Every structure is written in structure tokens, then in C-alpha cells.
Amino acid sequence: MLASFTQKALDIIRNIPEGRILTYGRAAALAGKPNGARQISRLLHSMSQKHDLPWHRVVNSKGKISLRPSQGYELQKALLESEGISFSKQDTLDFKSYLWEGPVPETKP
């Protein structure tokens, strides 16, 4: 069984809508650890394939792809562009257009 944070993070990442992005930090905060951005990075690195996660939709807080050229950068950019996401000339993403805030909290009647 996965730890609570890990399971929550997997669920959040799995539900990022196509054509939207989420930051590592926001994913961590939604999963219950506001300072857990690095844990999200490690989780994506080790579990994306096994859990079929849309890893390419997670970017850094500057609106950039964290992967280096020839180490996944080109693939991540191509996957995002295939979903209709556009990059600026500086290779950044517009949070106003593409940032997903996360699941809407349930409200009790």
C-alpha cells in the first residue's frame, strides 16, 4: 500500500486535464505537503510509467520544463504542444492560460 501523500499525489497528477499544467509545488500542496515539490519530482521519475501518469503536464514554478535538453525536454515539450499548449519565445508557459488549480474542494450542503 502506498503512503497517503504518495497516493494523493498520484491521484492529483492523474487528473490533470489535457491541455493544462500543474507545478510541482502546487501538486505537493494539494497532496498535503506544501514543501514537497522535490518529492513530486522523485515520484514522477520513479512512478510515471508504472502508473501511466501524465508526467509531462507537471512543470516548475517559473513555467518552464525542468528536464534538460536530450534528457526528456524535447519529449515533454512535444507532448504539451500536442495538447495545444503554446510556449513563449523564452520557452515558458503562460499560467493564466494553462495552469490547473487542482481539484475543486467538495462542499458540504
N, C-alpha and C. Protein backbone atom coordinates (compact mmCIF):
# COMPACT_ATOMS: atom_id res chain seq x y z
N MET A 1 0.84 -1.19 0.00
CA MET A 1 0.00 0.00 0.00
C MET A 1 0.88 1.25 0.00
N LEU A 2 0.47 2.24 -0.77
CA LEU A 2 1.24 3.48 -0.87
C LEU A 2 0.94 4.40 0.30
N ALA A 3 1.93 5.22 0.66
CA ALA A 3 1.74 6.21 1.71
C ALA A 3 0.66 7.20 1.27
N SER A 4 -0.01 7.79 2.23
CA SER A 4 -1.11 8.70 1.95
C SER A 4 -0.71 9.84 1.00
N PHE A 5 0.42 10.48 1.26
CA PHE A 5 0.88 11.58 0.40
C PHE A 5 1.10 11.08 -1.03
N THR A 6 1.75 9.95 -1.17
CA THR A 6 2.03 9.39 -2.49
C THR A 6 0.75 9.09 -3.23
N GLN A 7 -0.20 8.46 -2.57
CA GLN A 7 -1.47 8.13 -3.23
C GLN A 7 -2.23 9.39 -3.64
N LYS A 8 -2.26 10.39 -2.76
CA LYS A 8 -2.93 11.65 -3.09
C LYS A 8 -2.25 12.32 -4.28
N ALA A 9 -0.92 12.33 -4.27
CA ALA A 9 -0.17 12.96 -5.36
C ALA A 9 -0.44 12.25 -6.68
N LEU A 10 -0.44 10.92 -6.67
CA LEU A 10 -0.74 10.16 -7.89
C LEU A 10 -2.13 10.50 -8.41
N ASP A 11 -3.10 10.57 -7.52
CA ASP A 11 -4.48 10.89 -7.92
C ASP A 11 -4.56 12.29 -8.53
N ILE A 12 -3.89 13.24 -7.91
CA ILE A 12 -3.90 14.61 -8.41
C ILE A 12 -3.26 14.68 -9.79
N ILE A 13 -2.09 14.11 -9.94
CA ILE A 13 -1.38 14.15 -11.22
C ILE A 13 -2.19 13.42 -12.29
N ARG A 14 -2.75 12.29 -11.95
CA ARG A 14 -3.55 11.51 -12.90
C ARG A 14 -4.73 12.32 -13.44
N ASN A 15 -5.22 13.26 -12.65
CA ASN A 15 -6.41 14.02 -13.02
C ASN A 15 -6.14 15.39 -13.63
N ILE A 16 -4.88 15.71 -13.90
CA ILE A 16 -4.60 16.97 -14.58
C ILE A 16 -5.23 16.88 -15.97
N PRO A 17 -6.13 17.80 -16.30
CA PRO A 17 -6.80 17.71 -17.60
C PRO A 17 -5.84 17.93 -18.77
N GLU A 18 -6.16 17.32 -19.88
CA GLU A 18 -5.39 17.53 -21.11
C GLU A 18 -5.41 19.01 -21.45
N GLY A 19 -4.26 19.52 -21.87
CA GLY A 19 -4.15 20.93 -22.23
C GLY A 19 -3.93 21.86 -21.05
N ARG A 20 -3.71 21.29 -19.88
CA ARG A 20 -3.47 22.09 -18.67
C ARG A 20 -2.17 21.62 -18.03
N ILE A 21 -1.61 22.46 -17.18
CA ILE A 21 -0.37 22.14 -16.47
C ILE A 21 -0.54 22.39 -14.97
N LEU A 22 0.35 21.81 -14.21
CA LEU A 22 0.38 21.98 -12.76
C LEU A 22 1.84 22.08 -12.36
N THR A 23 2.15 22.87 -11.36
CA THR A 23 3.53 22.95 -10.89
C THR A 23 3.81 21.84 -9.88
N TYR A 24 5.08 21.52 -9.73
CA TYR A 24 5.48 20.53 -8.72
C TYR A 24 5.00 20.96 -7.34
N GLY A 25 5.20 22.23 -7.03
CA GLY A 25 4.82 22.74 -5.71
C GLY A 25 3.33 22.70 -5.45
N ARG A 26 2.55 23.05 -6.46
CA ARG A 26 1.09 23.03 -6.30
C ARG A 26 0.60 21.59 -6.12
N ALA A 27 1.19 20.66 -6.88
CA ALA A 27 0.82 19.25 -6.74
C ALA A 27 1.12 18.78 -5.32
N ALA A 28 2.27 19.16 -4.79
CA ALA A 28 2.65 18.77 -3.43
C ALA A 28 1.69 19.37 -2.41
N ALA A 29 1.37 20.65 -2.58
CA ALA A 29 0.46 21.31 -1.64
C ALA A 29 -0.92 20.65 -1.65
N LEU A 30 -1.43 20.35 -2.84
CA LEU A 30 -2.73 19.68 -2.94
C LEU A 30 -2.72 18.30 -2.30
N ALA A 31 -1.55 17.65 -2.32
CA ALA A 31 -1.42 16.32 -1.72
C ALA A 31 -1.13 16.38 -0.22
N GLY A 32 -0.98 17.60 0.31
CA GLY A 32 -0.82 17.75 1.76
C GLY A 32 0.57 18.11 2.26
N LYS A 33 1.51 18.35 1.35
CA LYS A 33 2.86 18.74 1.76
C LYS A 33 3.30 19.97 0.97
N PRO A 34 3.01 21.16 1.49
CA PRO A 34 3.33 22.39 0.77
C PRO A 34 4.80 22.56 0.38
N ASN A 35 5.69 21.90 1.11
CA ASN A 35 7.11 21.99 0.78
C ASN A 35 7.63 20.72 0.11
N GLY A 36 6.75 19.97 -0.53
CA GLY A 36 7.12 18.68 -1.09
C GLY A 36 7.35 18.63 -2.59
N ALA A 37 7.73 19.76 -3.20
CA ALA A 37 7.93 19.79 -4.65
C ALA A 37 8.96 18.76 -5.12
N ARG A 38 10.03 18.61 -4.37
CA ARG A 38 11.06 17.63 -4.76
C ARG A 38 10.53 16.20 -4.66
N GLN A 39 9.66 15.97 -3.72
CA GLN A 39 9.07 14.64 -3.61
C GLN A 39 8.21 14.34 -4.83
N ILE A 40 7.51 15.35 -5.33
CA ILE A 40 6.72 15.17 -6.55
C ILE A 40 7.63 14.83 -7.72
N SER A 41 8.75 15.51 -7.80
CA SER A 41 9.72 15.23 -8.86
C SER A 41 10.21 13.79 -8.79
N ARG A 42 10.57 13.34 -7.60
CA ARG A 42 11.03 11.96 -7.43
C ARG A 42 9.94 10.95 -7.74
N LEU A 43 8.72 11.27 -7.31
CA LEU A 43 7.58 10.39 -7.56
C LEU A 43 7.36 10.26 -9.07
N LEU A 44 7.39 11.37 -9.79
CA LEU A 44 7.21 11.32 -11.24
C LEU A 44 8.31 10.51 -11.91
N HIS A 45 9.52 10.70 -11.44
CA HIS A 45 10.66 9.97 -12.02
C HIS A 45 10.52 8.46 -11.82
N SER A 46 10.07 8.07 -10.64
CA SER A 46 10.05 6.64 -10.33
C SER A 46 8.73 5.93 -10.62
N MET A 47 7.62 6.68 -10.73
CA MET A 47 6.32 6.02 -10.84
C MET A 47 5.50 6.37 -12.07
N SER A 48 5.94 7.30 -12.88
CA SER A 48 5.13 7.74 -14.02
C SER A 48 4.76 6.61 -14.96
N GLN A 49 5.73 5.80 -15.31
CA GLN A 49 5.48 4.72 -16.26
C GLN A 49 4.59 3.64 -15.64
N LYS A 50 4.90 3.24 -14.43
CA LYS A 50 4.14 2.19 -13.75
C LYS A 50 2.67 2.57 -13.58
N HIS A 51 2.41 3.84 -13.28
CA HIS A 51 1.05 4.30 -13.01
C HIS A 51 0.44 5.07 -14.17
N ASP A 52 1.12 5.08 -15.31
CA ASP A 52 0.64 5.75 -16.52
C ASP A 52 0.20 7.19 -16.24
N LEU A 53 1.10 7.95 -15.63
CA LEU A 53 0.81 9.33 -15.25
C LEU A 53 1.10 10.29 -16.40
N PRO A 54 0.32 11.36 -16.50
CA PRO A 54 0.62 12.40 -17.49
C PRO A 54 1.73 13.32 -16.95
N TRP A 55 2.91 12.74 -16.77
CA TRP A 55 4.05 13.43 -16.16
C TRP A 55 4.41 14.72 -16.88
N HIS A 56 4.15 14.75 -18.17
CA HIS A 56 4.54 15.91 -18.99
C HIS A 56 3.75 17.17 -18.63
N ARG A 57 2.66 17.03 -17.89
CA ARG A 57 1.84 18.19 -17.52
C ARG A 57 2.31 18.87 -16.25
N VAL A 58 3.40 18.40 -15.66
CA VAL A 58 3.93 19.00 -14.44
C VAL A 58 5.21 19.77 -14.78
N VAL A 59 5.22 21.05 -14.42
CA VAL A 59 6.34 21.95 -14.74
C VAL A 59 6.79 22.69 -13.49
N ASN A 60 7.87 23.45 -13.62
CA ASN A 60 8.37 24.15 -12.44
C ASN A 60 7.62 25.47 -12.20
N SER A 61 7.91 26.11 -11.10
CA SER A 61 7.18 27.31 -10.68
C SER A 61 7.46 28.52 -11.57
N LYS A 62 8.43 28.42 -12.44
CA LYS A 62 8.73 29.50 -13.39
C LYS A 62 8.01 29.31 -14.72
N GLY A 63 7.22 28.23 -14.81
CA GLY A 63 6.51 27.95 -16.04
C GLY A 63 7.41 27.36 -17.11
N LYS A 64 8.42 26.63 -16.66
CA LYS A 64 9.37 26.02 -17.58
C LYS A 64 9.45 24.52 -17.35
N ILE A 65 9.92 23.84 -18.36
CA ILE A 65 10.20 22.42 -18.26
C ILE A 65 11.52 22.27 -17.50
N SER A 66 11.53 21.41 -16.51
CA SER A 66 12.74 21.23 -15.70
C SER A 66 13.75 20.27 -16.32
N LEU A 67 13.29 19.39 -17.19
CA LEU A 67 14.20 18.44 -17.82
C LEU A 67 15.18 19.15 -18.74
N ARG A 68 16.35 18.61 -18.86
CA ARG A 68 17.38 19.21 -19.71
C ARG A 68 17.26 18.72 -21.15
N PRO A 69 17.77 19.53 -22.08
CA PRO A 69 17.80 19.06 -23.47
C PRO A 69 18.50 17.71 -23.57
N SER A 70 17.98 16.86 -24.41
CA SER A 70 18.47 15.50 -24.64
C SER A 70 18.23 14.57 -23.45
N GLN A 71 17.52 15.04 -22.43
CA GLN A 71 17.21 14.20 -21.27
C GLN A 71 15.70 14.23 -20.97
N GLY A 72 14.92 14.44 -22.02
CA GLY A 72 13.48 14.43 -21.87
C GLY A 72 12.80 15.74 -22.18
N TYR A 73 13.57 16.83 -22.25
CA TYR A 73 12.99 18.15 -22.51
C TYR A 73 12.17 18.17 -23.80
N GLU A 74 12.76 17.67 -24.88
CA GLU A 74 12.11 17.71 -26.19
C GLU A 74 10.81 16.90 -26.20
N LEU A 75 10.82 15.74 -25.55
CA LEU A 75 9.63 14.91 -25.48
C LEU A 75 8.53 15.62 -24.70
N GLN A 76 8.88 16.17 -23.54
CA GLN A 76 7.88 16.85 -22.73
C GLN A 76 7.28 18.03 -23.50
N LYS A 77 8.11 18.81 -24.15
CA LYS A 77 7.62 19.96 -24.91
C LYS A 77 6.70 19.50 -26.04
N ALA A 78 7.09 18.45 -26.75
CA ALA A 78 6.28 17.94 -27.86
C ALA A 78 4.92 17.43 -27.35
N LEU A 79 4.92 16.74 -26.21
CA LEU A 79 3.66 16.24 -25.64
C LEU A 79 2.74 17.40 -25.24
N LEU A 80 3.29 18.42 -24.63
CA LEU A 80 2.49 19.58 -24.25
C LEU A 80 1.95 20.29 -25.49
N GLU A 81 2.79 20.48 -26.49
CA GLU A 81 2.34 21.14 -27.72
C GLU A 81 1.26 20.32 -28.42
N SER A 82 1.35 18.99 -28.34
CA SER A 82 0.34 18.14 -28.98
C SER A 82 -1.02 18.29 -28.31
N GLU A 83 -1.03 18.82 -27.09
CA GLU A 83 -2.28 19.07 -26.36
C GLU A 83 -2.75 20.51 -26.55
N GLY A 84 -2.08 21.26 -27.42
CA GLY A 84 -2.49 22.63 -27.70
C GLY A 84 -1.85 23.68 -26.83
N ILE A 85 -0.86 23.31 -26.05
CA ILE A 85 -0.17 24.26 -25.17
C ILE A 85 0.94 24.95 -25.95
N SER A 86 0.95 26.27 -25.90
CA SER A 86 1.95 27.07 -26.62
C SER A 86 3.01 27.60 -25.67
N PHE A 87 4.21 27.67 -26.16
CA PHE A 87 5.33 28.22 -25.41
C PHE A 87 5.66 29.62 -25.92
N SER A 88 6.14 30.48 -25.01
CA SER A 88 6.59 31.81 -25.41
C SER A 88 7.94 31.70 -26.11
N LYS A 89 8.42 32.80 -26.62
CA LYS A 89 9.74 32.81 -27.26
C LYS A 89 10.84 32.45 -26.26
N GLN A 90 10.58 32.68 -24.97
CA GLN A 90 11.54 32.34 -23.92
C GLN A 90 11.34 30.91 -23.42
N ASP A 91 10.49 30.15 -24.10
CA ASP A 91 10.19 28.76 -23.75
C ASP A 91 9.50 28.63 -22.39
N THR A 92 8.67 29.59 -22.06
CA THR A 92 7.88 29.50 -20.83
C THR A 92 6.42 29.29 -21.17
N LEU A 93 5.68 28.86 -20.17
CA LEU A 93 4.25 28.61 -20.32
C LEU A 93 3.47 29.67 -19.58
N ASP A 94 2.36 30.06 -20.14
CA ASP A 94 1.51 31.09 -19.55
C ASP A 94 0.57 30.46 -18.53
N PHE A 95 0.82 30.74 -17.26
CA PHE A 95 -0.01 30.17 -16.21
C PHE A 95 -1.47 30.64 -16.32
N LYS A 96 -1.68 31.87 -16.77
CA LYS A 96 -3.06 32.38 -16.88
C LYS A 96 -3.87 31.55 -17.87
N SER A 97 -3.21 31.04 -18.89
CA SER A 97 -3.91 30.26 -19.91
C SER A 97 -3.98 28.77 -19.59
N TYR A 98 -2.95 28.21 -18.95
CA TYR A 98 -2.83 26.76 -18.87
C TYR A 98 -2.79 26.16 -17.47
N LEU A 99 -2.60 26.97 -16.44
CA LEU A 99 -2.45 26.41 -15.09
C LEU A 99 -3.77 25.83 -14.59
N TRP A 100 -3.70 24.60 -14.11
CA TRP A 100 -4.84 23.95 -13.48
C TRP A 100 -4.68 24.14 -11.99
N GLU A 101 -5.70 24.62 -11.34
CA GLU A 101 -5.62 24.90 -9.91
C GLU A 101 -5.78 23.65 -9.05
N GLY A 102 -6.22 22.58 -9.66
CA GLY A 102 -6.40 21.35 -8.91
C GLY A 102 -7.85 21.03 -8.72
N PRO A 103 -8.11 19.93 -8.08
CA PRO A 103 -9.50 19.51 -7.90
C PRO A 103 -10.27 20.52 -7.06
N VAL A 104 -11.52 20.69 -7.39
CA VAL A 104 -12.39 21.60 -6.64
C VAL A 104 -12.75 20.92 -5.33
N PRO A 105 -12.51 21.61 -4.20
CA PRO A 105 -12.85 21.00 -2.91
C PRO A 105 -14.35 20.70 -2.83
N GLU A 106 -14.65 19.59 -2.18
CA GLU A 106 -16.06 19.22 -2.01
C GLU A 106 -16.70 20.16 -1.00
N THR A 107 -17.90 20.59 -1.31
CA THR A 107 -18.63 21.43 -0.37
C THR A 107 -19.75 20.61 0.26
N LYS A 108 -19.94 20.85 1.52
CA LYS A 108 -20.98 20.10 2.23
C LYS A 108 -22.26 20.92 2.25
N PRO A 109 -23.39 20.28 1.98
CA PRO A 109 -24.66 21.01 1.95
C PRO A 109 -25.08 21.53 3.30
